[in-house]
Amino acid sequence: GFIRTESFDTKTWIIPGAKSRGFKLEVMSCKGAQVYTRGTRKLKRKVVADVVEALIGAFLSTGGEMSALLFMDWVGIKVNFNFSPYERQWNASPENVLNVAFLESILKYSFKDRSLLVEAMTHGSYMLPDVPRCYQRLEYLGDAVLDYLITMHLYKEYPGMSPGMLTDMRAASVNNDCYARSAIRVQLHKHVLHTSQELHKHIAETLTKYSELSSSSTFGWESEASFPKVSLSKS
């Protein structure tokens, strides 16, 4: 096979699939053709999985997302991104629930479907007949996007860094502390729709910690402050 799990030795290496008189080779049938090998090897599933993931990364690095998707399709990982728009059941007018225009000015983005903005700002405790969804599904999607973007940034920014260190830096960057500080800086916390006493307490604690931080305070692995994770309970 092509996966190497041992150090390279020029004295024993042969071209995979080639017939050589210098070694005792086994004959295997591969799609009707005879392939000569030096014997079978056992590889752990994780090794094979790691190689597939590395190849996806190689295609992504050189050819972009479409190249990686085409390779995934070739190896049998079918991912369909041709989503058909679905009809959202949203009875309330977003402008009657949230100060949409103000939030769009903060975010510097105008939503085609403003109900998505309301959903993203709605805590689980605030679910009413006119506001049927909270932010959990959008959070699931956004969390994955953040992981991907931060991963790509760190991978390109620090080409000599080990995978373990890259993982630590990603964990330090994608965390509650960074999100809380960013949200408070632009006053997003004032527009979260909720009826939770626990969340109200968490926001107050976060504001106190934020006000105590000096302008030189750092976040990530050097952070001296820890902000609570927003609870999704309806208490």
Protein backbone atom coordinates (compact mmCIF):
# COMPACT_ATOMS: atom_id res chain seq x y z
CA GLY A 1 0.00 0.00 0.00
CA PHE A 2 0.92 3.66 -0.07
CA ILE A 3 0.56 4.44 3.65
CA ARG A 4 3.95 4.29 5.33
CA THR A 5 4.07 3.31 9.00
CA GLU A 6 7.80 2.62 9.24
CA SER A 7 11.01 4.45 8.39
CA PHE A 8 12.01 4.55 4.74
CA ASP A 9 14.68 2.02 3.72
CA THR A 10 16.06 2.24 0.19
CA LYS A 11 17.31 -1.35 0.37
CA THR A 12 13.89 -2.89 0.86
CA TRP A 13 11.63 -0.41 -0.91
CA ILE A 14 9.87 -1.38 -4.14
CA ILE A 15 7.43 0.49 -6.30
CA PRO A 16 3.94 -0.43 -5.04
CA GLY A 17 2.36 -2.87 -7.46
CA ALA A 18 5.53 -3.45 -9.49
CA LYS A 19 7.07 -6.88 -10.09
CA SER A 20 10.63 -7.23 -8.85
CA ARG A 21 12.86 -10.28 -8.97
CA GLY A 22 14.85 -9.15 -5.97
CA PHE A 23 12.12 -9.92 -3.43
CA LYS A 24 9.69 -12.70 -2.72
CA LEU A 25 6.37 -11.18 -3.66
CA GLU A 26 2.77 -12.21 -3.18
CA VAL A 27 0.25 -11.96 -5.99
CA MET A 28 -3.06 -10.31 -5.16
CA SER A 29 -6.09 -9.89 -7.38
CA CYS A 30 -7.21 -6.30 -7.66
CA LYS A 31 -10.18 -5.60 -9.94
CA GLY A 32 -9.20 -8.41 -12.29
CA ALA A 33 -5.52 -7.43 -12.45
CA GLN A 34 -2.58 -9.00 -10.64
CA VAL A 35 -0.76 -6.78 -8.18
CA TYR A 36 2.57 -7.78 -6.68
CA THR A 37 3.13 -6.96 -3.02
CA ARG A 38 5.63 -7.84 -0.31
CA GLY A 39 2.83 -9.17 1.87
CA THR A 40 -0.09 -7.81 3.81
CA ARG A 41 0.07 -5.30 6.65
CA LYS A 42 -2.36 -4.52 9.40
CA LEU A 43 -3.13 -0.86 9.96
CA LYS A 44 -5.22 0.57 12.76
CA ARG A 45 -8.41 2.25 11.64
CA LYS A 46 -7.30 5.50 13.24
CA VAL A 47 -4.17 5.54 11.06
CA VAL A 48 -6.26 5.20 7.91
CA ALA A 49 -8.74 7.81 9.17
CA ASP A 50 -5.91 10.21 9.99
CA VAL A 51 -4.50 9.79 6.47
CA VAL A 52 -7.91 10.54 4.92
CA GLU A 53 -8.25 13.65 7.10
CA ALA A 54 -4.73 14.74 6.16
CA LEU A 55 -5.54 14.31 2.46
CA ILE A 56 -8.67 16.43 2.89
CA GLY A 57 -6.47 19.06 4.52
CA ALA A 58 -3.98 18.83 1.64
CA PHE A 59 -6.70 19.32 -0.96
CA LEU A 60 -8.16 22.21 1.06
CA SER A 61 -4.76 23.90 1.39
CA THR A 62 -3.94 23.73 -2.30
CA GLY A 63 -7.29 23.80 -4.09
CA GLY A 64 -9.73 25.38 -1.66
CA GLU A 65 -13.04 24.12 -0.33
CA MET A 66 -14.36 22.85 -3.66
CA SER A 67 -11.24 20.74 -4.18
CA ALA A 68 -11.63 19.22 -0.72
CA LEU A 69 -15.31 18.49 -1.36
CA LEU A 70 -14.52 16.78 -4.66
CA PHE A 71 -11.92 14.59 -2.96
CA MET A 72 -14.38 13.71 -0.19
CA ASP A 73 -16.92 12.74 -2.83
CA TRP A 74 -14.29 10.59 -4.56
CA VAL A 75 -13.52 8.60 -1.39
CA GLY A 76 -17.23 8.11 -0.74
CA ILE A 77 -17.95 10.90 1.77
CA LYS A 78 -21.05 12.39 0.19
CA VAL A 79 -21.78 15.95 1.32
CA ASN A 80 -24.59 17.83 -0.39
CA PHE A 81 -24.48 21.62 -0.15
CA ASN A 82 -27.29 22.21 -2.64
CA PHE A 83 -29.82 23.10 0.01
CA SER A 84 -33.31 24.11 -1.01
CA PRO A 85 -34.69 27.08 0.94
CA TYR A 86 -37.35 26.07 3.41
CA GLU A 87 -40.33 28.06 4.58
CA ARG A 88 -39.80 29.44 8.07
CA GLN A 89 -42.81 29.52 10.36
CA TRP A 90 -42.55 32.95 11.94
CA ASN A 91 -45.75 34.77 12.81
CA ALA A 92 -44.42 37.86 14.56
CA SER A 93 -42.93 40.82 12.75
CA PRO A 94 -39.20 40.94 13.68
CA GLU A 95 -39.40 44.72 14.08
CA ASN A 96 -42.07 44.31 16.78
CA VAL A 97 -39.90 41.94 18.81
CA LEU A 98 -36.44 43.42 18.45
CA ASN A 99 -34.77 46.70 17.50
CA VAL A 100 -33.71 45.21 14.20
CA ALA A 101 -32.50 48.42 12.55
CA PHE A 102 -30.22 49.27 15.49
CA LEU A 103 -28.74 45.77 15.64
CA GLU A 104 -28.13 45.76 11.90
CA SER A 105 -26.28 49.06 12.26
CA ILE A 106 -24.08 47.52 14.98
CA LEU A 107 -23.44 44.37 12.97
CA LYS A 108 -23.00 46.35 9.74
CA TYR A 109 -25.18 43.86 7.91
CA SER A 110 -28.75 43.88 6.60
CA PHE A 111 -30.60 40.58 6.90
CA LYS A 112 -32.80 39.47 4.02
CA ASP A 113 -34.73 37.38 6.54
CA ARG A 114 -34.82 39.41 9.74
CA SER A 115 -36.46 36.59 11.67
CA LEU A 116 -33.02 34.93 11.69
CA LEU A 117 -31.68 37.87 13.68
CA VAL A 118 -34.51 37.53 16.19
CA GLU A 119 -33.86 33.79 16.47
CA ALA A 120 -30.14 34.39 17.05
CA MET A 121 -30.91 36.80 19.91
CA THR A 122 -33.57 34.64 21.60
CA HIS A 123 -32.75 32.62 24.72
CA GLY A 124 -34.57 29.35 25.38
CA SER A 125 -36.57 30.93 28.21
CA TYR A 126 -38.23 33.41 25.84
CA MET A 127 -39.89 30.98 23.43
CA LEU A 128 -43.43 32.24 22.78
CA PRO A 129 -46.03 31.33 20.14
CA ASP A 130 -44.91 34.27 17.99
CA VAL A 131 -41.21 33.46 18.57
CA PRO A 132 -41.08 29.67 18.20
CA ARG A 133 -37.30 29.19 18.14
CA CYS A 134 -34.33 30.06 20.30
CA TYR A 135 -30.72 30.40 19.18
CA GLN A 136 -29.65 26.78 19.79
CA ARG A 137 -29.77 25.55 16.17
CA LEU A 138 -28.04 28.67 14.85
CA GLU A 139 -25.47 28.37 17.65
CA TYR A 140 -24.72 24.81 16.53
CA LEU A 141 -24.04 26.07 13.01
CA GLY A 142 -22.09 29.16 14.06
CA ASP A 143 -19.91 27.19 16.46
CA ALA A 144 -18.80 24.90 13.63
CA VAL A 145 -18.08 27.87 11.34
CA LEU A 146 -16.00 29.60 14.02
CA ASP A 147 -13.98 26.43 14.62
CA TYR A 148 -13.29 26.15 10.90
CA LEU A 149 -12.32 29.80 10.39
CA ILE A 150 -10.07 29.96 13.46
CA THR A 151 -8.47 26.65 12.48
CA MET A 152 -7.68 27.92 8.97
CA HIS A 153 -6.33 31.22 10.33
CA LEU A 154 -4.00 29.56 12.84
CA TYR A 155 -2.86 26.92 10.33
CA LYS A 156 -1.82 29.57 7.80
CA GLU A 157 -0.51 32.10 10.33
CA TYR A 158 1.78 29.64 12.16
CA PRO A 159 3.14 27.14 9.60
CA GLY A 160 5.80 25.76 11.95
CA MET A 161 3.58 25.19 14.97
CA SER A 162 2.80 21.67 16.17
CA PRO A 163 -0.78 20.30 15.97
CA GLY A 164 -0.97 20.16 19.76
CA MET A 165 -0.05 23.83 20.13
CA LEU A 166 -2.46 24.80 17.33
CA THR A 167 -5.23 22.96 19.18
CA ASP A 168 -4.40 24.83 22.41
CA MET A 169 -4.42 28.17 20.61
CA ARG A 170 -7.75 27.40 18.97
CA ALA A 171 -9.26 26.44 22.32
CA ALA A 172 -7.92 29.68 23.79
CA SER A 173 -9.41 31.73 20.96
CA VAL A 174 -12.81 30.04 20.60
CA ASN A 175 -14.14 30.36 24.14
CA ASN A 176 -16.67 32.16 26.34
CA ASP A 177 -14.21 34.85 27.43
CA CYS A 178 -13.60 36.13 23.91
CA TYR A 179 -17.27 35.98 22.97
CA ALA A 180 -18.41 37.74 26.14
CA ARG A 181 -15.97 40.60 25.74
CA SER A 182 -16.89 41.06 22.08
CA ALA A 183 -20.62 41.04 22.85
CA ILE A 184 -20.28 43.56 25.68
CA ARG A 185 -18.07 45.84 23.61
CA VAL A 186 -20.87 46.34 21.07
CA GLN A 187 -23.68 46.18 23.67
CA LEU A 188 -25.27 43.02 22.27
CA HIS A 189 -26.10 41.77 25.76
CA LYS A 190 -28.75 44.49 26.09
CA HIS A 191 -30.79 42.98 23.25
CA VAL A 192 -30.88 39.30 24.24
CA LEU A 193 -34.50 38.21 24.59
CA HIS A 194 -34.96 36.14 27.75
CA THR A 195 -37.00 35.69 30.92
CA SER A 196 -34.33 33.79 32.86
CA GLN A 197 -33.20 34.96 36.30
CA GLU A 198 -30.11 32.79 35.98
CA LEU A 199 -29.12 34.40 32.69
CA HIS A 200 -29.77 37.86 34.14
CA LYS A 201 -27.38 37.00 36.98
CA HIS A 202 -24.74 35.70 34.56
CA ILE A 203 -24.92 38.87 32.48
CA ALA A 204 -24.52 41.03 35.60
CA GLU A 205 -21.50 38.98 36.71
CA THR A 206 -19.96 39.24 33.26
CA LEU A 207 -20.42 43.02 33.19
CA THR A 208 -18.73 43.31 36.59
CA LYS A 209 -15.75 41.25 35.48
CA TYR A 210 -15.54 43.14 32.21
CA SER A 211 -15.47 46.51 33.99
CA GLU A 212 -12.67 45.28 36.25
CA LEU A 213 -10.44 44.38 33.31
CA SER A 214 -7.83 46.91 32.36
CA SER A 215 -7.21 47.86 28.75
CA SER A 216 -4.03 45.79 28.84
CA SER A 217 -5.80 42.60 29.91
CA THR A 218 -5.49 39.70 27.55
CA PHE A 219 -7.84 36.92 26.59
CA GLY A 220 -7.31 33.36 25.53
CA TRP A 221 -4.73 31.33 27.44
CA GLU A 222 -3.37 34.43 29.23
CA SER A 223 -6.79 35.57 30.43
CA GLU A 224 -7.16 36.23 34.13
CA ALA A 225 -10.94 36.47 33.94
CA SER A 226 -13.42 33.69 33.33
CA PHE A 227 -16.92 34.41 32.08
CA PRO A 228 -19.80 31.99 32.66
CA LYS A 229 -21.34 30.06 29.80
CA VAL A 230 -24.83 31.27 28.99
CA SER A 231 -27.32 28.75 30.28
CA LEU A 232 -29.91 27.36 27.89
CA SER A 233 -32.28 26.37 30.66
CA LYS A 234 -35.65 28.06 30.99
CA SER A 235 -35.24 28.96 34.64
